[in-house]
Amino acid sequence: MSSPHATLTSTPESAPTATATAAAPRLPYDTGLLVLRLVLGVTLAAHGSQKLFGWFDGGGLDGTAQFFESVGYPSGKLMAVVAGLSETLGGLGLALGLLTPLAGAAVVGTMLNVVAVDWEKGFFGGIEYPLVLAAGAAALALAGPGRWAADRALPVLRDHRLAYGAAAVVLGAAVAGAVLLVRS
């Protein structure tokens, strides 16, 4: 009978290679990032297209501009374009894994504004959805897009750095704060 505290030994023939052990943990990680990128990115791109084009029963630029003015933003049309482009391009960037830190920053900034507008509604039915979208975008900006992403073809972003993601999230939050300062 063997001891439960016995150490496992392996022979050279049975030992896994360094490549196999390094690649094995990456597959679930990269698959999870791909799923998160696709779901989050396509969802945001669809919301942005509601604002820009009126697709999917959206208000289009005019309806979205009226909404922005009704909640205290100056120049509702400009804000509708900025929010629509941030969601559409940020969402597409996340889905493709293209310029992921900047795409995440665009989404974080936009969703922080949504949280500020909906704050009085409370958590449920108010800020939980934009908070989840912002957190998902921040997570992707910080973690990187994974191996199956367009960023892998870009020399600067091929090897994701936490600093890029952190700087992008700070940029998104700073721009959101600046935009909120002009809201009455």
C-alpha atoms as a PDB file:
ATOM      1  CA  MET A   1       0.000   0.000   0.000  1.00  0.00           C
ATOM      2  CA  SER A   2       1.391   3.369  -0.936  1.00  0.00           C
ATOM      3  CA  SER A   3       1.498   6.364   1.330  1.00  0.00           C
ATOM      4  CA  PRO A   4      -0.803   9.302   0.513  1.00  0.00           C
ATOM      5  CA  HIS A   5       2.198  11.536   1.098  1.00  0.00           C
ATOM      6  CA  ALA A   6       4.407   9.795  -1.422  1.00  0.00           C
ATOM      7  CA  THR A   7       5.929  11.996  -4.081  1.00  0.00           C
ATOM      8  CA  LEU A   8       5.304  11.280  -7.704  1.00  0.00           C
ATOM      9  CA  THR A   9       8.260  10.632  -9.885  1.00  0.00           C
ATOM     10  CA  SER A  10       8.340  10.380 -13.599  1.00  0.00           C
ATOM     11  CA  THR A  11      10.668   8.853 -16.052  1.00  0.00           C
ATOM     12  CA  PRO A  12      11.971  10.902 -18.946  1.00  0.00           C
ATOM     13  CA  GLU A  13       9.702   8.961 -21.319  1.00  0.00           C
ATOM     14  CA  SER A  14       6.540   9.870 -19.350  1.00  0.00           C
ATOM     15  CA  ALA A  15       7.430  13.464 -18.508  1.00  0.00           C
ATOM     16  CA  PRO A  16       5.438  16.032 -20.461  1.00  0.00           C
ATOM     17  CA  THR A  17       7.411  18.365 -22.640  1.00  0.00           C
ATOM     18  CA  ALA A  18       7.821  22.007 -21.725  1.00  0.00           C
ATOM     19  CA  THR A  19       5.845  22.991 -24.822  1.00  0.00           C
ATOM     20  CA  ALA A  20       2.891  20.772 -23.946  1.00  0.00           C
ATOM     21  CA  THR A  21       2.678  22.011 -20.366  1.00  0.00           C
ATOM     22  CA  ALA A  22       2.988  25.646 -21.417  1.00  0.00           C
ATOM     23  CA  ALA A  23       0.385  25.355 -24.192  1.00  0.00           C
ATOM     24  CA  ALA A  24      -2.191  23.310 -22.278  1.00  0.00           C
ATOM     25  CA  PRO A  25      -3.216  26.025 -19.798  1.00  0.00           C
ATOM     26  CA  ARG A  26      -3.388  28.624 -22.616  1.00  0.00           C
ATOM     27  CA  LEU A  27      -6.176  26.864 -24.538  1.00  0.00           C
ATOM     28  CA  PRO A  28      -8.942  27.351 -21.936  1.00  0.00           C
ATOM     29  CA  TYR A  29      -7.674  30.850 -21.150  1.00  0.00           C
ATOM     30  CA  ASP A  30      -7.637  31.930 -24.805  1.00  0.00           C
ATOM     31  CA  THR A  31     -11.004  30.275 -25.460  1.00  0.00           C
ATOM     32  CA  GLY A  32     -12.556  32.098 -22.509  1.00  0.00           C
ATOM     33  CA  LEU A  33     -11.159  35.432 -23.669  1.00  0.00           C
ATOM     34  CA  LEU A  34     -12.475  34.795 -27.188  1.00  0.00           C
ATOM     35  CA  VAL A  35     -15.983  34.054 -25.888  1.00  0.00           C
ATOM     36  CA  LEU A  36     -15.935  37.148 -23.659  1.00  0.00           C
ATOM     37  CA  ARG A  37     -14.634  39.335 -26.501  1.00  0.00           C
ATOM     38  CA  LEU A  38     -17.245  38.117 -28.968  1.00  0.00           C
ATOM     39  CA  VAL A  39     -20.259  38.392 -26.659  1.00  0.00           C
ATOM     40  CA  LEU A  40     -19.257  41.717 -25.134  1.00  0.00           C
ATOM     41  CA  GLY A  41     -18.051  43.196 -28.417  1.00  0.00           C
ATOM     42  CA  VAL A  42     -21.040  42.241 -30.551  1.00  0.00           C
ATOM     43  CA  THR A  43     -23.447  43.386 -27.819  1.00  0.00           C
ATOM     44  CA  LEU A  44     -21.773  46.785 -27.622  1.00  0.00           C
ATOM     45  CA  ALA A  45     -21.533  47.170 -31.398  1.00  0.00           C
ATOM     46  CA  ALA A  46     -25.274  46.460 -31.645  1.00  0.00           C
ATOM     47  CA  HIS A  47     -26.025  49.093 -28.989  1.00  0.00           C
ATOM     48  CA  GLY A  48     -23.836  51.594 -30.809  1.00  0.00           C
ATOM     49  CA  SER A  49     -25.590  50.904 -34.105  1.00  0.00           C
ATOM     50  CA  GLN A  50     -28.905  51.652 -32.385  1.00  0.00           C
ATOM     51  CA  LYS A  51     -27.569  55.110 -31.585  1.00  0.00           C
ATOM     52  CA  LEU A  52     -25.874  55.794 -34.906  1.00  0.00           C
ATOM     53  CA  PHE A  53     -28.238  54.198 -37.404  1.00  0.00           C
ATOM     54  CA  GLY A  54     -31.454  53.430 -35.558  1.00  0.00           C
ATOM     55  CA  TRP A  55     -30.924  49.705 -36.157  1.00  0.00           C
ATOM     56  CA  PHE A  56     -32.502  47.132 -33.815  1.00  0.00           C
ATOM     57  CA  ASP A  57     -35.321  49.524 -32.819  1.00  0.00           C
ATOM     58  CA  GLY A  58     -32.834  52.205 -31.760  1.00  0.00           C
ATOM     59  CA  GLY A  59     -33.464  55.918 -31.696  1.00  0.00           C
ATOM     60  CA  GLY A  60     -30.863  56.808 -34.307  1.00  0.00           C
ATOM     61  CA  LEU A  61     -28.868  60.011 -33.976  1.00  0.00           C
ATOM     62  CA  ASP A  62     -31.896  62.268 -33.530  1.00  0.00           C
ATOM     63  CA  GLY A  63     -33.590  60.151 -30.873  1.00  0.00           C
ATOM     64  CA  THR A  64     -30.325  59.554 -29.041  1.00  0.00           C
ATOM     65  CA  ALA A  65     -29.499  63.281 -29.203  1.00  0.00           C
ATOM     66  CA  GLN A  66     -32.856  64.100 -27.602  1.00  0.00           C
ATOM     67  CA  PHE A  67     -32.145  61.598 -24.841  1.00  0.00           C
ATOM     68  CA  PHE A  68     -28.702  63.058 -24.145  1.00  0.00           C
ATOM     69  CA  GLU A  69     -30.142  66.555 -23.918  1.00  0.00           C
ATOM     70  CA  SER A  70     -32.919  65.342 -21.604  1.00  0.00           C
ATOM     71  CA  VAL A  71     -30.363  63.990 -19.113  1.00  0.00           C
ATOM     72  CA  GLY A  72     -28.266  67.153 -19.084  1.00  0.00           C
ATOM     73  CA  TYR A  73     -25.579  66.737 -21.714  1.00  0.00           C
ATOM     74  CA  PRO A  74     -24.872  69.774 -23.904  1.00  0.00           C
ATOM     75  CA  SER A  75     -24.827  69.261 -27.661  1.00  0.00           C
ATOM     76  CA  GLY A  76     -26.925  66.121 -27.702  1.00  0.00           C
ATOM     77  CA  LYS A  77     -26.121  65.344 -31.334  1.00  0.00           C
ATOM     78  CA  LEU A  78     -22.365  65.402 -30.701  1.00  0.00           C
ATOM     79  CA  MET A  79     -22.780  63.225 -27.607  1.00  0.00           C
ATOM     80  CA  ALA A  80     -24.931  60.772 -29.605  1.00  0.00           C
ATOM     81  CA  VAL A  81     -22.183  60.476 -32.227  1.00  0.00           C
ATOM     82  CA  VAL A  82     -19.450  60.064 -29.595  1.00  0.00           C
ATOM     83  CA  ALA A  83     -21.402  57.446 -27.634  1.00  0.00           C
ATOM     84  CA  GLY A  84     -22.478  55.615 -30.784  1.00  0.00           C
ATOM     85  CA  LEU A  85     -18.957  55.510 -32.205  1.00  0.00           C
ATOM     86  CA  SER A  86     -17.459  54.523 -28.843  1.00  0.00           C
ATOM     87  CA  GLU A  87     -19.856  51.615 -28.503  1.00  0.00           C
ATOM     88  CA  THR A  88     -19.726  50.525 -32.152  1.00  0.00           C
ATOM     89  CA  LEU A  89     -15.983  50.837 -32.730  1.00  0.00           C
ATOM     90  CA  GLY A  90     -15.091  49.819 -29.174  1.00  0.00           C
ATOM     91  CA  GLY A  91     -17.348  46.790 -29.475  1.00  0.00           C
ATOM     92  CA  LEU A  92     -15.965  45.777 -32.861  1.00  0.00           C
ATOM     93  CA  GLY A  93     -12.418  46.284 -31.561  1.00  0.00           C
ATOM     94  CA  LEU A  94     -13.110  44.024 -28.602  1.00  0.00           C
ATOM     95  CA  ALA A  95     -14.802  41.371 -30.757  1.00  0.00           C
ATOM     96  CA  LEU A  96     -11.874  41.286 -33.187  1.00  0.00           C
ATOM     97  CA  GLY A  97      -9.222  41.738 -30.527  1.00  0.00           C
ATOM     98  CA  LEU A  98      -8.047  44.812 -32.439  1.00  0.00           C
ATOM     99  CA  LEU A  99      -6.412  47.602 -30.439  1.00  0.00           C
ATOM    100  CA  THR A 100      -7.930  45.892 -27.417  1.00  0.00           C
ATOM    101  CA  PRO A 101      -6.688  48.328 -24.730  1.00  0.00           C
ATOM    102  CA  LEU A 102      -8.112  51.332 -26.608  1.00  0.00           C
ATOM    103  CA  ALA A 103     -11.340  49.511 -27.465  1.00  0.00           C
ATOM    104  CA  GLY A 104     -11.712  48.662 -23.784  1.00  0.00           C
ATOM    105  CA  ALA A 105     -11.038  52.289 -22.833  1.00  0.00           C
ATOM    106  CA  ALA A 106     -13.781  53.523 -25.178  1.00  0.00           C
ATOM    107  CA  VAL A 107     -16.285  51.111 -23.650  1.00  0.00           C
ATOM    108  CA  VAL A 108     -15.233  51.836 -20.060  1.00  0.00           C
ATOM    109  CA  GLY A 109     -15.600  55.582 -20.579  1.00  0.00           C
ATOM    110  CA  THR A 110     -19.001  55.275 -22.210  1.00  0.00           C
ATOM    111  CA  MET A 111     -20.345  52.844 -19.606  1.00  0.00           C
ATOM    112  CA  LEU A 112     -19.138  55.035 -16.725  1.00  0.00           C
ATOM    113  CA  ASN A 113     -21.297  57.799 -18.167  1.00  0.00           C
ATOM    114  CA  VAL A 114     -24.253  55.403 -18.346  1.00  0.00           C
ATOM    115  CA  VAL A 115     -23.670  54.452 -14.702  1.00  0.00           C
ATOM    116  CA  ALA A 116     -23.664  58.147 -13.725  1.00  0.00           C
ATOM    117  CA  VAL A 117     -26.899  58.818 -15.636  1.00  0.00           C
ATOM    118  CA  ASP A 118     -28.672  55.754 -14.216  1.00  0.00           C
ATOM    119  CA  TRP A 119     -27.263  56.005 -10.675  1.00  0.00           C
ATOM    120  CA  GLU A 120     -30.562  57.146  -9.145  1.00  0.00           C
ATOM    121  CA  LYS A 121     -32.336  54.055 -10.498  1.00  0.00           C
ATOM    122  CA  GLY A 122     -30.267  51.890  -8.155  1.00  0.00           C
ATOM    123  CA  PHE A 123     -28.381  48.719  -8.868  1.00  0.00           C
ATOM    124  CA  PHE A 124     -31.149  46.522 -10.302  1.00  0.00           C
ATOM    125  CA  GLY A 125     -32.759  48.056 -13.349  1.00  0.00           C
ATOM    126  CA  GLY A 126     -30.199  50.830 -13.261  1.00  0.00           C
ATOM    127  CA  ILE A 127     -26.468  50.390 -13.148  1.00  0.00           C
ATOM    128  CA  GLU A 128     -25.913  46.626 -13.064  1.00  0.00           C
ATOM    129  CA  TYR A 129     -25.857  46.162 -16.853  1.00  0.00           C
ATOM    130  CA  PRO A 130     -23.501  49.047 -17.752  1.00  0.00           C
ATOM    131  CA  LEU A 131     -21.348  48.130 -14.757  1.00  0.00           C
ATOM    132  CA  VAL A 132     -20.953  44.560 -16.053  1.00  0.00           C
ATOM    133  CA  LEU A 133     -20.135  45.851 -19.549  1.00  0.00           C
ATOM    134  CA  ALA A 134     -17.542  48.286 -18.125  1.00  0.00           C
ATOM    135  CA  ALA A 135     -16.003  45.578 -15.944  1.00  0.00           C
ATOM    136  CA  GLY A 136     -15.815  43.160 -18.874  1.00  0.00           C
ATOM    137  CA  ALA A 137     -14.162  45.776 -21.083  1.00  0.00           C
ATOM    138  CA  ALA A 138     -11.708  46.700 -18.322  1.00  0.00           C
ATOM    139  CA  ALA A 139     -10.905  43.021 -17.763  1.00  0.00           C
ATOM    140  CA  LEU A 140     -10.139  42.557 -21.464  1.00  0.00           C
ATOM    141  CA  ALA A 141      -8.020  45.726 -21.557  1.00  0.00           C
ATOM    142  CA  LEU A 142      -6.044  44.510 -18.546  1.00  0.00           C
ATOM    143  CA  ALA A 143      -5.749  40.798 -19.455  1.00  0.00           C
ATOM    144  CA  GLY A 144      -5.313  41.282 -23.183  1.00  0.00           C
ATOM    145  CA  PRO A 145      -7.299  39.658 -25.978  1.00  0.00           C
ATOM    146  CA  GLY A 146      -5.626  36.238 -25.959  1.00  0.00           C
ATOM    147  CA  ARG A 147      -3.916  34.433 -28.826  1.00  0.00           C
ATOM    148  CA  TRP A 148      -6.844  34.493 -31.249  1.00  0.00           C
ATOM    149  CA  ALA A 149      -6.911  38.238 -31.814  1.00  0.00           C
ATOM    150  CA  ALA A 150      -5.942  40.782 -34.450  1.00  0.00           C
ATOM    151  CA  ASP A 151      -3.588  42.404 -31.923  1.00  0.00           C
ATOM    152  CA  ARG A 152      -1.268  39.423 -32.410  1.00  0.00           C
ATOM    153  CA  ALA A 153      -0.437  40.854 -35.862  1.00  0.00           C
ATOM    154  CA  LEU A 154       0.502  44.275 -34.462  1.00  0.00           C
ATOM    155  CA  PRO A 155       4.132  44.499 -33.315  1.00  0.00           C
ATOM    156  CA  VAL A 156       3.459  46.812 -30.362  1.00  0.00           C
ATOM    157  CA  LEU A 157       0.472  44.857 -29.057  1.00  0.00           C
ATOM    158  CA  ARG A 158       1.596  41.334 -30.000  1.00  0.00           C
ATOM    159  CA  ASP A 159       2.909  40.808 -26.483  1.00  0.00           C
ATOM    160  CA  HIS A 160       0.250  42.378 -24.292  1.00  0.00           C
ATOM    161  CA  ARG A 161       1.501  44.347 -21.329  1.00  0.00           C
ATOM    162  CA  LEU A 162      -0.540  45.023 -18.222  1.00  0.00           C
ATOM    163  CA  ALA A 163       0.700  48.618 -18.342  1.00  0.00           C
ATOM    164  CA  TYR A 164      -1.017  49.157 -21.724  1.00  0.00           C
ATOM    165  CA  GLY A 165      -4.312  47.927 -20.351  1.00  0.00           C
ATOM    166  CA  ALA A 166      -4.025  49.862 -17.093  1.00  0.00           C
ATOM    167  CA  ALA A 167      -3.158  53.073 -18.941  1.00  0.00           C
ATOM    168  CA  ALA A 168      -6.103  52.556 -21.280  1.00  0.00           C
ATOM    169  CA  VAL A 169      -8.562  51.975 -18.416  1.00  0.00           C
ATOM    170  CA  VAL A 170      -7.286  55.122 -16.672  1.00  0.00           C
ATOM    171  CA  LEU A 171      -7.645  57.043 -19.955  1.00  0.00           C
ATOM    172  CA  GLY A 172     -11.230  55.826 -20.391  1.00  0.00           C
ATOM    173  CA  ALA A 173     -12.132  56.788 -16.816  1.00  0.00           C
ATOM    174  CA  ALA A 174     -10.466  60.203 -17.163  1.00  0.00           C
ATOM    175  CA  VAL A 175     -12.307  61.005 -20.396  1.00  0.00           C
ATOM    176  CA  ALA A 176     -15.565  59.846 -18.789  1.00  0.00           C
ATOM    177  CA  GLY A 177     -14.910  62.161 -15.860  1.00  0.00           C
ATOM    178  CA  ALA A 178     -14.231  65.084 -18.188  1.00  0.00           C
ATOM    179  CA  VAL A 179     -17.438  64.427 -20.105  1.00  0.00           C
ATOM    180  CA  LEU A 180     -19.409  64.174 -16.866  1.00  0.00           C
ATOM    181  CA  LEU A 181     -18.068  67.578 -15.808  1.00  0.00           C
ATOM    182  CA  VAL A 182     -19.871  69.248 -18.737  1.00  0.00           C
ATOM    183  CA  ARG A 183     -23.166  67.546 -17.875  1.00  0.00           C
ATOM    184  CA  SER A 184     -25.581  69.818 -16.068  1.00  0.00           C
END
